[in-house]
PDB file of N, CA and C in Angstrom:
ATOM      1  N   MET A   1       0.756  -1.190   0.024  1.00  0.00           N
ATOM      2  CA  MET A   1      -0.119   0.211   0.063  1.00  0.00           C
ATOM      3  C   MET A   1       0.935   1.236  -0.083  1.00  0.00           C
ATOM      4  N   THR A   2       0.759   2.188  -0.814  1.00  0.00           N
ATOM      5  CA  THR A   2       1.214   3.490  -0.850  1.00  0.00           C
ATOM      6  C   THR A   2       0.596   4.378  -0.199  1.00  0.00           C
ATOM      7  N   VAL A   3       1.463   5.191   0.489  1.00  0.00           N
ATOM      8  CA  VAL A   3       1.152   6.106   1.413  1.00  0.00           C
ATOM      9  C   VAL A   3       1.394   7.440   1.106  1.00  0.00           C
ATOM     10  N   ILE A   4       0.478   8.397   0.706  1.00  0.00           N
ATOM     11  CA  ILE A   4       0.752   9.652  -0.331  1.00  0.00           C
ATOM     12  C   ILE A   4       0.619  10.748   1.089  1.00  0.00           C
ATOM     13  N   ARG A   5       1.742  11.471   1.154  1.00  0.00           N
ATOM     14  CA  ARG A   5       2.011  12.501   2.151  1.00  0.00           C
ATOM     15  C   ARG A   5       0.988  13.731   1.365  1.00  0.00           C
ATOM     16  N   LEU A   6       0.345  14.133   2.593  1.00  0.00           N
ATOM     17  CA  LEU A   6      -0.361  15.505   2.478  1.00  0.00           C
ATOM     18  C   LEU A   6       0.420  16.744   2.015  1.00  0.00           C
ATOM     19  N   PRO A   7       1.802  16.753   2.219  1.00  0.00           N
ATOM     20  CA  PRO A   7       2.432  18.019   1.756  1.00  0.00           C
ATOM     21  C   PRO A   7       2.915  17.708   0.395  1.00  0.00           C
ATOM     22  N   PHE A   8       3.046  16.438  -0.330  1.00  0.00           N
ATOM     23  CA  PHE A   8       3.116  16.109  -1.570  1.00  0.00           C
ATOM     24  C   PHE A   8       1.917  16.436  -2.287  1.00  0.00           C
ATOM     25  N   ILE A   9       0.712  16.297  -1.796  1.00  0.00           N
ATOM     26  CA  ILE A   9      -0.488  16.491  -2.511  1.00  0.00           C
ATOM     27  C   ILE A   9      -0.729  18.052  -2.701  1.00  0.00           C
ATOM     28  N   ALA A  10      -0.271  18.732  -1.677  1.00  0.00           N
ATOM     29  CA  ALA A  10      -0.641  20.249  -1.714  1.00  0.00           C
ATOM     30  C   ALA A  10       0.623  20.682  -2.695  1.00  0.00           C
ATOM     31  N   ALA A  11       1.699  20.360  -2.831  1.00  0.00           N
ATOM     32  CA  ALA A  11       2.756  20.827  -3.589  1.00  0.00           C
ATOM     33  C   ALA A  11       1.988  20.470  -5.007  1.00  0.00           C
ATOM     34  N   PHE A  12       1.698  19.493  -5.074  1.00  0.00           N
ATOM     35  CA  PHE A  12       1.186  18.837  -6.535  1.00  0.00           C
ATOM     36  C   PHE A  12      -0.009  19.830  -6.830  1.00  0.00           C
ATOM     37  N   ALA A  13      -1.080  19.954  -5.945  1.00  0.00           N
ATOM     38  CA  ALA A  13      -2.223  20.923  -6.474  1.00  0.00           C
ATOM     39  C   ALA A  13      -1.480  22.353  -6.599  1.00  0.00           C
ATOM     40  N   ALA A  14      -0.685  22.782  -5.958  1.00  0.00           N
ATOM     41  CA  ALA A  14      -0.382  24.101  -6.168  1.00  0.00           C
ATOM     42  C   ALA A  14       0.443  24.124  -7.371  1.00  0.00           C
ATOM     43  N   ALA A  15       1.197  23.456  -7.969  1.00  0.00           N
ATOM     44  CA  ALA A  15       2.100  23.369  -8.978  1.00  0.00           C
ATOM     45  C   ALA A  15       1.052  23.056 -10.297  1.00  0.00           C
ATOM     46  N   PHE A  16      -0.038  22.191  -9.908  1.00  0.00           N
ATOM     47  CA  PHE A  16      -0.988  22.108 -11.045  1.00  0.00           C
ATOM     48  C   PHE A  16      -1.851  23.499 -11.183  1.00  0.00           C
ATOM     49  N   SER A  17      -2.274  24.197 -10.246  1.00  0.00           N
ATOM     50  CA  SER A  17      -3.004  25.377 -10.263  1.00  0.00           C
ATOM     51  C   SER A  17      -2.257  26.377 -11.064  1.00  0.00           C
ATOM     52  N   LEU A  18      -1.145  26.553 -10.644  1.00  0.00           N
ATOM     53  CA  LEU A  18      -0.169  27.511 -11.515  1.00  0.00           C
ATOM     54  C   LEU A  18      -0.020  27.082 -12.918  1.00  0.00           C
ATOM     55  N   ALA A  19       0.168  25.779 -13.152  1.00  0.00           N
ATOM     56  CA  ALA A  19       0.608  25.396 -14.692  1.00  0.00           C
ATOM     57  C   ALA A  19      -1.049  25.630 -14.985  1.00  0.00           C
ATOM     58  N   GLY A  20      -1.987  25.385 -14.565  1.00  0.00           N
ATOM     59  CA  GLY A  20      -3.331  25.468 -15.422  1.00  0.00           C
ATOM     60  C   GLY A  20      -4.044  26.779 -15.397  1.00  0.00           C
ATOM     61  N   SER A  21      -3.341  27.726 -14.387  1.00  0.00           N
ATOM     62  CA  SER A  21      -3.833  29.093 -14.517  1.00  0.00           C
ATOM     63  C   SER A  21      -3.790  29.709 -15.889  1.00  0.00           C
ATOM     64  N   ASN A  22      -2.698  29.630 -16.499  1.00  0.00           N
ATOM     65  CA  ASN A  22      -2.324  30.237 -17.751  1.00  0.00           C
ATOM     66  C   ASN A  22      -3.222  29.563 -18.906  1.00  0.00           C
ATOM     67  N   ALA A  23      -3.127  28.031 -18.699  1.00  0.00           N
ATOM     68  CA  ALA A  23      -3.919  27.362 -19.823  1.00  0.00           C
ATOM     69  C   ALA A  23      -5.649  27.898 -19.766  1.00  0.00           C
ATOM     70  N   TRP A  24      -6.004  28.145 -18.392  1.00  0.00           N
ATOM     71  CA  TRP A  24      -7.554  28.384 -18.559  1.00  0.00           C
ATOM     72  C   TRP A  24      -7.811  29.938 -18.323  1.00  0.00           C
ATOM     73  N   SER A  25      -6.750  31.090 -18.449  1.00  0.00           N
ATOM     74  CA  SER A  25      -6.789  32.286 -18.196  1.00  0.00           C
ATOM     75  C   SER A  25      -7.770  32.899 -18.916  1.00  0.00           C
ATOM     76  N   ALA A  26      -8.006  32.473 -20.402  1.00  0.00           N
ATOM     77  CA  ALA A  26      -9.354  33.251 -20.962  1.00  0.00           C
ATOM     78  C   ALA A  26     -10.092  32.174 -21.602  1.00  0.00           C
ATOM     79  N   SER A  27     -10.272  31.278 -20.882  1.00  0.00           N
ATOM     80  CA  SER A  27     -11.557  30.136 -21.369  1.00  0.00           C
ATOM     81  C   SER A  27     -12.745  30.342 -20.566  1.00  0.00           C
ATOM     82  N   PRO A  28     -13.653  30.998 -21.269  1.00  0.00           N
ATOM     83  CA  PRO A  28     -14.776  30.974 -20.765  1.00  0.00           C
ATOM     84  C   PRO A  28     -15.578  29.741 -20.699  1.00  0.00           C
ATOM     85  N   SER A  29     -17.078  29.799 -20.395  1.00  0.00           N
ATOM     86  CA  SER A  29     -18.125  28.617 -20.206  1.00  0.00           C
ATOM     87  C   SER A  29     -18.253  28.373 -21.618  1.00  0.00           C
ATOM     88  N   PHE A  30     -18.266  29.126 -22.438  1.00  0.00           N
ATOM     89  CA  PHE A  30     -18.832  28.973 -23.908  1.00  0.00           C
ATOM     90  C   PHE A  30     -17.542  29.016 -25.131  1.00  0.00           C
ATOM     91  N   ASP A  31     -17.845  28.388 -26.032  1.00  0.00           N
ATOM     92  CA  ASP A  31     -16.814  27.935 -27.258  1.00  0.00           C
ATOM     93  C   ASP A  31     -16.610  29.409 -27.894  1.00  0.00           C
ATOM     94  N   CYS A  32     -15.102  29.841 -27.761  1.00  0.00           N
ATOM     95  CA  CYS A  32     -14.723  31.042 -28.225  1.00  0.00           C
ATOM     96  C   CYS A  32     -14.622  31.175 -29.968  1.00  0.00           C
ATOM     97  N   ALA A  33     -14.939  30.154 -30.410  1.00  0.00           N
ATOM     98  CA  ALA A  33     -14.852  30.042 -31.868  1.00  0.00           C
ATOM     99  C   ALA A  33     -16.234  30.386 -32.370  1.00  0.00           C
ATOM    100  N   LYS A  34     -17.147  30.095 -31.260  1.00  0.00           N
ATOM    101  CA  LYS A  34     -18.893  30.386 -31.658  1.00  0.00           C
ATOM    102  C   LYS A  34     -19.074  31.889 -31.121  1.00  0.00           C
ATOM    103  N   ALA A  35     -18.048  32.726 -30.439  1.00  0.00           N
ATOM    104  CA  ALA A  35     -18.710  34.185 -30.285  1.00  0.00           C
ATOM    105  C   ALA A  35     -19.395  34.973 -30.954  1.00  0.00           C
ATOM    106  N   SER A  36     -20.559  35.199 -30.626  1.00  0.00           N
ATOM    107  CA  SER A  36     -21.342  35.984 -31.431  1.00  0.00           C
ATOM    108  C   SER A  36     -21.653  37.348 -31.327  1.00  0.00           C
ATOM    109  N   SER A  37     -20.989  37.924 -30.379  1.00  0.00           N
ATOM    110  CA  SER A  37     -21.133  39.516 -30.083  1.00  0.00           C
ATOM    111  C   SER A  37     -19.615  39.965 -29.437  1.00  0.00           C
ATOM    112  N   GLU A  38     -19.891  41.316 -29.443  1.00  0.00           N
ATOM    113  CA  GLU A  38     -18.600  41.991 -29.013  1.00  0.00           C
ATOM    114  C   GLU A  38     -18.301  41.636 -27.730  1.00  0.00           C
ATOM    115  N   ALA A  39     -19.191  41.326 -26.802  1.00  0.00           N
ATOM    116  CA  ALA A  39     -18.917  40.966 -25.486  1.00  0.00           C
ATOM    117  C   ALA A  39     -18.424  39.854 -25.373  1.00  0.00           C
ATOM    118  N   GLU A  40     -18.839  38.721 -26.121  1.00  0.00           N
ATOM    119  CA  GLU A  40     -18.477  37.366 -26.029  1.00  0.00           C
ATOM    120  C   GLU A  40     -16.983  37.433 -26.325  1.00  0.00           C
ATOM    121  N   ALA A  41     -16.354  38.084 -27.539  1.00  0.00           N
ATOM    122  CA  ALA A  41     -15.197  38.177 -28.060  1.00  0.00           C
ATOM    123  C   ALA A  41     -14.263  38.742 -27.230  1.00  0.00           C
ATOM    124  N   MET A  42     -14.791  39.830 -26.444  1.00  0.00           N
ATOM    125  CA  MET A  42     -14.033  40.298 -25.344  1.00  0.00           C
ATOM    126  C   MET A  42     -13.576  39.415 -24.161  1.00  0.00           C
ATOM    127  N   ILE A  43     -14.794  38.756 -23.695  1.00  0.00           N
ATOM    128  CA  ILE A  43     -14.494  38.003 -22.599  1.00  0.00           C
ATOM    129  C   ILE A  43     -13.633  36.835 -23.114  1.00  0.00           C
ATOM    130  N   CYS A  44     -13.612  36.242 -24.193  1.00  0.00           N
ATOM    131  CA  CYS A  44     -12.309  35.528 -24.819  1.00  0.00           C
ATOM    132  C   CYS A  44     -11.109  35.574 -24.705  1.00  0.00           C
ATOM    133  N   LYS A  45     -10.961  37.075 -24.565  1.00  0.00           N
ATOM    134  CA  LYS A  45      -9.508  37.870 -24.546  1.00  0.00           C
ATOM    135  C   LYS A  45      -9.255  38.151 -23.208  1.00  0.00           C
ATOM    136  N   ASP A  46      -9.962  38.239 -22.370  1.00  0.00           N
ATOM    137  CA  ASP A  46      -9.744  38.926 -20.899  1.00  0.00           C
ATOM    138  C   ASP A  46     -10.123  37.623 -19.939  1.00  0.00           C
ATOM    139  N   ALA A  47      -8.829  37.424 -19.178  1.00  0.00           N
ATOM    140  CA  ALA A  47      -9.008  36.323 -18.323  1.00  0.00           C
ATOM    141  C   ALA A  47      -9.733  36.718 -17.058  1.00  0.00           C
ATOM    142  N   GLU A  48     -10.025  37.692 -16.483  1.00  0.00           N
ATOM    143  CA  GLU A  48     -10.893  38.121 -15.498  1.00  0.00           C
ATOM    144  C   GLU A  48     -12.147  37.822 -15.896  1.00  0.00           C
ATOM    145  N   LEU A  49     -12.625  38.525 -16.981  1.00  0.00           N
ATOM    146  CA  LEU A  49     -14.166  38.299 -17.488  1.00  0.00           C
ATOM    147  C   LEU A  49     -14.332  36.594 -17.745  1.00  0.00           C
ATOM    148  N   ALA A  50     -13.416  36.157 -18.138  1.00  0.00           N
ATOM    149  CA  ALA A  50     -13.609  34.676 -18.547  1.00  0.00           C
ATOM    150  C   ALA A  50     -13.793  33.950 -17.170  1.00  0.00           C
ATOM    151  N   GLU A  51     -13.070  34.391 -16.080  1.00  0.00           N
ATOM    152  CA  GLU A  51     -13.112  33.597 -15.037  1.00  0.00           C
ATOM    153  C   GLU A  51     -14.795  34.155 -14.417  1.00  0.00           C
ATOM    154  N   LEU A  52     -15.148  35.352 -14.407  1.00  0.00           N
ATOM    155  CA  LEU A  52     -16.283  35.489 -14.005  1.00  0.00           C
ATOM    156  C   LEU A  52     -17.629  34.780 -15.011  1.00  0.00           C
ATOM    157  N   ASP A  53     -17.294  34.612 -16.065  1.00  0.00           N
ATOM    158  CA  ASP A  53     -18.177  33.822 -16.824  1.00  0.00           C
ATOM    159  C   ASP A  53     -18.486  32.615 -16.475  1.00  0.00           C
ATOM    160  N   ARG A  54     -17.131  31.929 -16.243  1.00  0.00           N
ATOM    161  CA  ARG A  54     -16.996  30.239 -15.522  1.00  0.00           C
ATOM    162  C   ARG A  54     -17.885  30.317 -14.209  1.00  0.00           C
ATOM    163  N   SER A  55     -17.604  31.204 -13.646  1.00  0.00           N
ATOM    164  CA  SER A  55     -18.173  31.327 -12.047  1.00  0.00           C
ATOM    165  C   SER A  55     -19.695  31.333 -12.430  1.00  0.00           C
ATOM    166  N   LEU A  56     -20.249  32.440 -13.180  1.00  0.00           N
ATOM    167  CA  LEU A  56     -21.654  32.478 -13.474  1.00  0.00           C
ATOM    168  C   LEU A  56     -22.081  31.307 -13.929  1.00  0.00           C
ATOM    169  N   ALA A  57     -21.667  30.547 -14.873  1.00  0.00           N
ATOM    170  CA  ALA A  57     -21.730  29.254 -15.420  1.00  0.00           C
ATOM    171  C   ALA A  57     -21.970  28.196 -14.417  1.00  0.00           C
ATOM    172  N   SER A  58     -21.233  28.019 -13.573  1.00  0.00           N
ATOM    173  CA  SER A  58     -21.281  27.249 -12.553  1.00  0.00           C
ATOM    174  C   SER A  58     -22.338  27.676 -11.477  1.00  0.00           C
ATOM    175  N   LEU A  59     -22.437  28.742 -10.846  1.00  0.00           N
ATOM    176  CA  LEU A  59     -23.483  29.141 -10.086  1.00  0.00           C
ATOM    177  C   LEU A  59     -24.916  29.036 -10.755  1.00  0.00           C
ATOM    178  N   TYR A  60     -25.011  29.172 -11.864  1.00  0.00           N
ATOM    179  CA  TYR A  60     -26.362  29.140 -12.893  1.00  0.00           C
ATOM    180  C   TYR A  60     -26.853  27.935 -12.726  1.00  0.00           C
ATOM    181  N   ALA A  61     -25.536  26.595 -12.945  1.00  0.00           N
ATOM    182  CA  ALA A  61     -25.970  25.377 -13.041  1.00  0.00           C
ATOM    183  C   ALA A  61     -26.467  24.834 -11.669  1.00  0.00           C
ATOM    184  N   VAL A  62     -26.131  25.344 -10.486  1.00  0.00           N
ATOM    185  CA  VAL A  62     -26.338  24.878  -9.465  1.00  0.00           C
ATOM    186  C   VAL A  62     -27.728  25.463  -9.010  1.00  0.00           C
ATOM    187  N   VAL A  63     -27.988  26.682  -9.136  1.00  0.00           N
ATOM    188  CA  VAL A  63     -29.358  26.934  -9.002  1.00  0.00           C
ATOM    189  C   VAL A  63     -30.416  26.771 -10.127  1.00  0.00           C
ATOM    190  N   LEU A  64     -30.182  26.430 -11.079  1.00  0.00           N
ATOM    191  CA  LEU A  64     -31.068  25.569 -12.093  1.00  0.00           C
ATOM    192  C   LEU A  64     -31.514  24.213 -11.461  1.00  0.00           C
ATOM    193  N   LYS A  65     -30.391  23.372 -10.839  1.00  0.00           N
ATOM    194  CA  LYS A  65     -30.501  22.174 -10.510  1.00  0.00           C
ATOM    195  C   LYS A  65     -31.410  21.915  -9.248  1.00  0.00           C
ATOM    196  N   ASN A  66     -31.323  23.122  -8.596  1.00  0.00           N
ATOM    197  CA  ASN A  66     -32.008  23.234  -7.395  1.00  0.00           C
ATOM    198  C   ASN A  66     -33.424  24.060  -7.212  1.00  0.00           C
ATOM    199  N   THR A  67     -33.881  24.623  -8.721  1.00  0.00           N
ATOM    200  CA  THR A  67     -34.955  25.292  -8.916  1.00  0.00           C
ATOM    201  C   THR A  67     -36.031  24.005  -9.245  1.00  0.00           C
ATOM    202  N   PRO A  68     -37.337  24.414  -8.517  1.00  0.00           N
ATOM    203  CA  PRO A  68     -38.594  23.503  -8.998  1.00  0.00           C
ATOM    204  C   PRO A  68     -38.758  23.493 -10.336  1.00  0.00           C
ATOM    205  N   ALA A  69     -39.175  22.522 -10.684  1.00  0.00           N
ATOM    206  CA  ALA A  69     -39.419  22.331 -11.876  1.00  0.00           C
ATOM    207  C   ALA A  69     -40.416  23.293 -12.688  1.00  0.00           C
ATOM    208  N   THR A  70     -41.593  23.808 -11.882  1.00  0.00           N
ATOM    209  CA  THR A  70     -42.166  24.784 -12.099  1.00  0.00           C
ATOM    210  C   THR A  70     -41.590  26.000 -12.358  1.00  0.00           C
ATOM    211  N   GLU A  71     -40.561  26.140 -12.060  1.00  0.00           N
ATOM    212  CA  GLU A  71     -40.030  27.506 -12.290  1.00  0.00           C
ATOM    213  C   GLU A  71     -38.668  27.428 -13.102  1.00  0.00           C
ATOM    214  N   LYS A  72     -38.450  26.457 -13.688  1.00  0.00           N
ATOM    215  CA  LYS A  72     -37.050  26.373 -14.305  1.00  0.00           C
ATOM    216  C   LYS A  72     -37.297  26.983 -15.819  1.00  0.00           C
ATOM    217  N   LYS A  73     -38.631  27.205 -16.347  1.00  0.00           N
ATOM    218  CA  LYS A  73     -38.617  27.806 -17.403  1.00  0.00           C
ATOM    219  C   LYS A  73     -38.320  29.491 -17.430  1.00  0.00           C
ATOM    220  N   MET A  74     -38.879  29.760 -16.315  1.00  0.00           N
ATOM    221  CA  MET A  74     -38.606  31.127 -15.961  1.00  0.00           C
ATOM    222  C   MET A  74     -37.192  31.541 -15.673  1.00  0.00           C
ATOM    223  N   LEU A  75     -36.634  30.901 -15.138  1.00  0.00           N
ATOM    224  CA  LEU A  75     -35.171  31.016 -14.668  1.00  0.00           C
ATOM    225  C   LEU A  75     -34.434  30.923 -16.336  1.00  0.00           C
ATOM    226  N   LYS A  76     -34.516  30.005 -16.911  1.00  0.00           N
ATOM    227  CA  LYS A  76     -33.830  29.973 -18.252  1.00  0.00           C
ATOM    228  C   LYS A  76     -34.197  31.257 -18.947  1.00  0.00           C
ATOM    229  N   ALA A  77     -35.521  31.785 -19.051  1.00  0.00           N
ATOM    230  CA  ALA A  77     -35.891  33.190 -19.891  1.00  0.00           C
ATOM    231  C   ALA A  77     -35.160  34.071 -19.271  1.00  0.00           C
ATOM    232  N   GLU A  78     -35.011  33.945 -17.739  1.00  0.00           N
ATOM    233  CA  GLU A  78     -34.364  35.178 -17.397  1.00  0.00           C
ATOM    234  C   GLU A  78     -32.774  35.155 -17.756  1.00  0.00           C
ATOM    235  N   GLN A  79     -32.327  34.127 -17.799  1.00  0.00           N
ATOM    236  CA  GLN A  79     -31.052  33.986 -18.053  1.00  0.00           C
ATOM    237  C   GLN A  79     -30.706  34.188 -19.545  1.00  0.00           C
ATOM    238  N   ARG A  80     -31.505  33.882 -20.423  1.00  0.00           N
ATOM    239  CA  ARG A  80     -31.333  34.298 -22.115  1.00  0.00           C
ATOM    240  C   ARG A  80     -31.558  35.942 -21.930  1.00  0.00           C
ATOM    241  N   GLY A  81     -32.403  36.504 -21.122  1.00  0.00           N
ATOM    242  CA  GLY A  81     -32.535  37.721 -21.043  1.00  0.00           C
ATOM    243  C   GLY A  81     -31.367  38.748 -20.603  1.00  0.00           C
ATOM    244  N   TRP A  82     -30.669  37.951 -19.457  1.00  0.00           N
ATOM    245  CA  TRP A  82     -29.524  38.422 -19.127  1.00  0.00           C
ATOM    246  C   TRP A  82     -28.194  38.428 -20.249  1.00  0.00           C
ATOM    247  N   VAL A  83     -28.306  37.639 -20.801  1.00  0.00           N
ATOM    248  CA  VAL A  83     -27.328  37.416 -21.909  1.00  0.00           C
ATOM    249  C   VAL A  83     -27.360  38.261 -23.020  1.00  0.00           C
ATOM    250  N   LYS A  84     -28.648  38.808 -23.257  1.00  0.00           N
ATOM    251  CA  LYS A  84     -29.226  39.985 -24.160  1.00  0.00           C
ATOM    252  C   LYS A  84     -28.715  41.286 -23.567  1.00  0.00           C
ATOM    253  N   GLY A  85     -28.817  41.604 -22.520  1.00  0.00           N
ATOM    254  CA  GLY A  85     -28.537  42.706 -21.522  1.00  0.00           C
ATOM    255  C   GLY A  85     -26.933  42.773 -21.724  1.00  0.00           C
ATOM    256  N   ARG A  86     -26.281  41.585 -21.547  1.00  0.00           N
ATOM    257  CA  ARG A  86     -24.701  41.731 -21.563  1.00  0.00           C
ATOM    258  C   ARG A  86     -24.192  42.080 -22.757  1.00  0.00           C
ATOM    259  N   ASP A  87     -24.774  41.367 -23.825  1.00  0.00           N
ATOM    260  CA  ASP A  87     -24.603  41.826 -25.265  1.00  0.00           C
ATOM    261  C   ASP A  87     -24.674  43.207 -25.659  1.00  0.00           C
ATOM    262  N   ASP A  88     -25.693  43.738 -24.936  1.00  0.00           N
ATOM    263  CA  ASP A  88     -26.207  45.032 -25.136  1.00  0.00           C
ATOM    264  C   ASP A  88     -25.209  46.092 -24.821  1.00  0.00           C
ATOM    265  N   CYS A  89     -24.061  45.530 -23.997  1.00  0.00           N
ATOM    266  CA  CYS A  89     -23.021  46.322 -23.531  1.00  0.00           C
ATOM    267  C   CYS A  89     -22.263  46.978 -24.402  1.00  0.00           C
ATOM    268  N   TRP A  90     -22.402  46.868 -25.898  1.00  0.00           N
ATOM    269  CA  TRP A  90     -21.621  47.441 -27.069  1.00  0.00           C
ATOM    270  C   TRP A  90     -22.074  48.536 -27.093  1.00  0.00           C
ATOM    271  N   LYS A  91     -23.296  49.126 -26.491  1.00  0.00           N
ATOM    272  CA  LYS A  91     -23.754  50.580 -26.337  1.00  0.00           C
ATOM    273  C   LYS A  91     -23.098  51.289 -25.302  1.00  0.00           C
ATOM    274  N   SER A  92     -22.418  50.775 -24.533  1.00  0.00           N
ATOM    275  CA  SER A  92     -21.747  51.627 -23.370  1.00  0.00           C
ATOM    276  C   SER A  92     -20.618  52.161 -23.801  1.00  0.00           C
ATOM    277  N   ASP A  93     -20.198  53.278 -23.248  1.00  0.00           N
ATOM    278  CA  ASP A  93     -18.867  53.849 -23.547  1.00  0.00           C
ATOM    279  C   ASP A  93     -17.676  53.098 -23.039  1.00  0.00           C
ATOM    280  N   ASP A  94     -18.149  52.111 -22.259  1.00  0.00           N
ATOM    281  CA  ASP A  94     -17.028  51.398 -21.390  1.00  0.00           C
ATOM    282  C   ASP A  94     -17.436  49.877 -21.713  1.00  0.00           C
ATOM    283  N   LEU A  95     -17.352  49.191 -22.629  1.00  0.00           N
ATOM    284  CA  LEU A  95     -17.653  47.742 -22.770  1.00  0.00           C
ATOM    285  C   LEU A  95     -17.241  46.858 -21.821  1.00  0.00           C
ATOM    286  N   ARG A  96     -15.914  47.033 -21.751  1.00  0.00           N
ATOM    287  CA  ARG A  96     -15.605  46.183 -20.624  1.00  0.00           C
ATOM    288  C   ARG A  96     -16.208  46.399 -19.314  1.00  0.00           C
ATOM    289  N   GLY A  97     -16.217  47.541 -18.733  1.00  0.00           N
ATOM    290  CA  GLY A  97     -16.622  47.967 -17.536  1.00  0.00           C
ATOM    291  C   GLY A  97     -18.328  47.332 -17.187  1.00  0.00           C
ATOM    292  N   CYS A  98     -19.334  47.551 -18.190  1.00  0.00           N
ATOM    293  CA  CYS A  98     -20.151  47.297 -18.415  1.00  0.00           C
ATOM    294  C   CYS A  98     -20.278  45.619 -18.330  1.00  0.00           C
ATOM    295  N   VAL A  99     -19.540  45.012 -19.135  1.00  0.00           N
ATOM    296  CA  VAL A  99     -19.770  43.520 -19.051  1.00  0.00           C
ATOM    297  C   VAL A  99     -19.450  42.915 -17.711  1.00  0.00           C
ATOM    298  N   GLU A 100     -18.175  43.546 -17.021  1.00  0.00           N
ATOM    299  CA  GLU A 100     -18.153  43.264 -15.801  1.00  0.00           C
ATOM    300  C   GLU A 100     -19.062  43.552 -14.719  1.00  0.00           C
ATOM    301  N   ALA A 101     -19.719  44.654 -14.765  1.00  0.00           N
ATOM    302  CA  ALA A 101     -20.781  45.022 -13.907  1.00  0.00           C
ATOM    303  C   ALA A 101     -21.864  44.152 -13.895  1.00  0.00           C
ATOM    304  N   GLU A 102     -22.256  43.717 -15.265  1.00  0.00           N
ATOM    305  CA  GLU A 102     -23.435  42.642 -15.905  1.00  0.00           C
ATOM    306  C   GLU A 102     -23.214  41.487 -15.008  1.00  0.00           C
ATOM    307  N   TYR A 103     -21.888  40.994 -15.230  1.00  0.00           N
ATOM    308  CA  TYR A 103     -21.625  39.619 -14.786  1.00  0.00           C
ATOM    309  C   TYR A 103     -21.718  39.551 -13.005  1.00  0.00           C
ATOM    310  N   ARG A 104     -21.240  40.495 -12.370  1.00  0.00           N
ATOM    311  CA  ARG A 104     -21.107  40.847 -10.994  1.00  0.00           C
ATOM    312  C   ARG A 104     -22.711  40.894 -10.382  1.00  0.00           C
ATOM    313  N   SER A 105     -23.358  41.586 -11.340  1.00  0.00           N
ATOM    314  CA  SER A 105     -24.682  41.997 -10.756  1.00  0.00           C
ATOM    315  C   SER A 105     -25.632  40.504 -10.848  1.00  0.00           C
ATOM    316  N   ARG A 106     -25.432  39.856 -11.891  1.00  0.00           N
ATOM    317  CA  ARG A 106     -26.118  38.486 -12.241  1.00  0.00           C
ATOM    318  C   ARG A 106     -25.488  37.156 -11.065  1.00  0.00           C
ATOM    319  N   ILE A 107     -24.081  37.328 -10.998  1.00  0.00           N
ATOM    320  CA  ILE A 107     -23.845  36.658  -9.863  1.00  0.00           C
ATOM    321  C   ILE A 107     -24.561  36.737  -8.433  1.00  0.00           C
ATOM    322  N   ALA A 108     -24.584  38.184  -8.215  1.00  0.00           N
ATOM    323  CA  ALA A 108     -24.990  38.609  -6.906  1.00  0.00           C
ATOM    324  C   ALA A 108     -26.721  38.125  -6.962  1.00  0.00           C
ATOM    325  N   GLU A 109     -27.224  38.153  -7.959  1.00  0.00           N
ATOM    326  CA  GLU A 109     -28.753  37.825  -7.965  1.00  0.00           C
ATOM    327  C   GLU A 109     -28.838  36.490  -7.930  1.00  0.00           C
ATOM    328  N   LEU A 110     -28.266  35.721  -8.577  1.00  0.00           N
ATOM    329  CA  LEU A 110     -28.339  34.234  -8.210  1.00  0.00           C
ATOM    330  C   LEU A 110     -27.799  33.759  -6.817  1.00  0.00           C
ATOM    331  N   ARG A 111     -26.824  34.326  -6.492  1.00  0.00           N
ATOM    332  CA  ARG A 111     -26.404  33.996  -4.943  1.00  0.00           C
ATOM    333  C   ARG A 111     -27.795  34.267  -4.061  1.00  0.00           C
ATOM    334  N   ASP A 112     -28.308  35.100  -4.255  1.00  0.00           N
ATOM    335  CA  ASP A 112     -29.510  35.506  -3.594  1.00  0.00           C
ATOM    336  C   ASP A 112     -30.614  34.478  -3.542  1.00  0.00           C
ATOM    337  N   ARG A 113     -30.548  33.751  -4.483  1.00  0.00           N
ATOM    338  CA  ARG A 113     -31.816  32.963  -4.600  1.00  0.00           C
ATOM    339  C   ARG A 113     -31.764  31.679  -3.507  1.00  0.00           C
TER     340      ARG A 113
END
């Protein structure tokens, strides 16, 4: 039987996390090859926005899973509306700031559920 020591696991996890951070730095939850808006194209090039996108996608999946069946259709419609609103940030003088604010606002909304 092989015993793996905790410090080894911690060191491996830290190394993997550092190596993986560059690989995932600008990988949102959606396929960047299919980015269909200025906002999505920017998210694909911006590590912080990509991270917000992944966080929102994970949170949305949890909320959707825990939403009663009778309310899922409404939640999905809300999310589609939110995506449209995020994509309307092209109208803003500060596209990046608008997109970031939209993500932070939606994450807060979903956390409050």
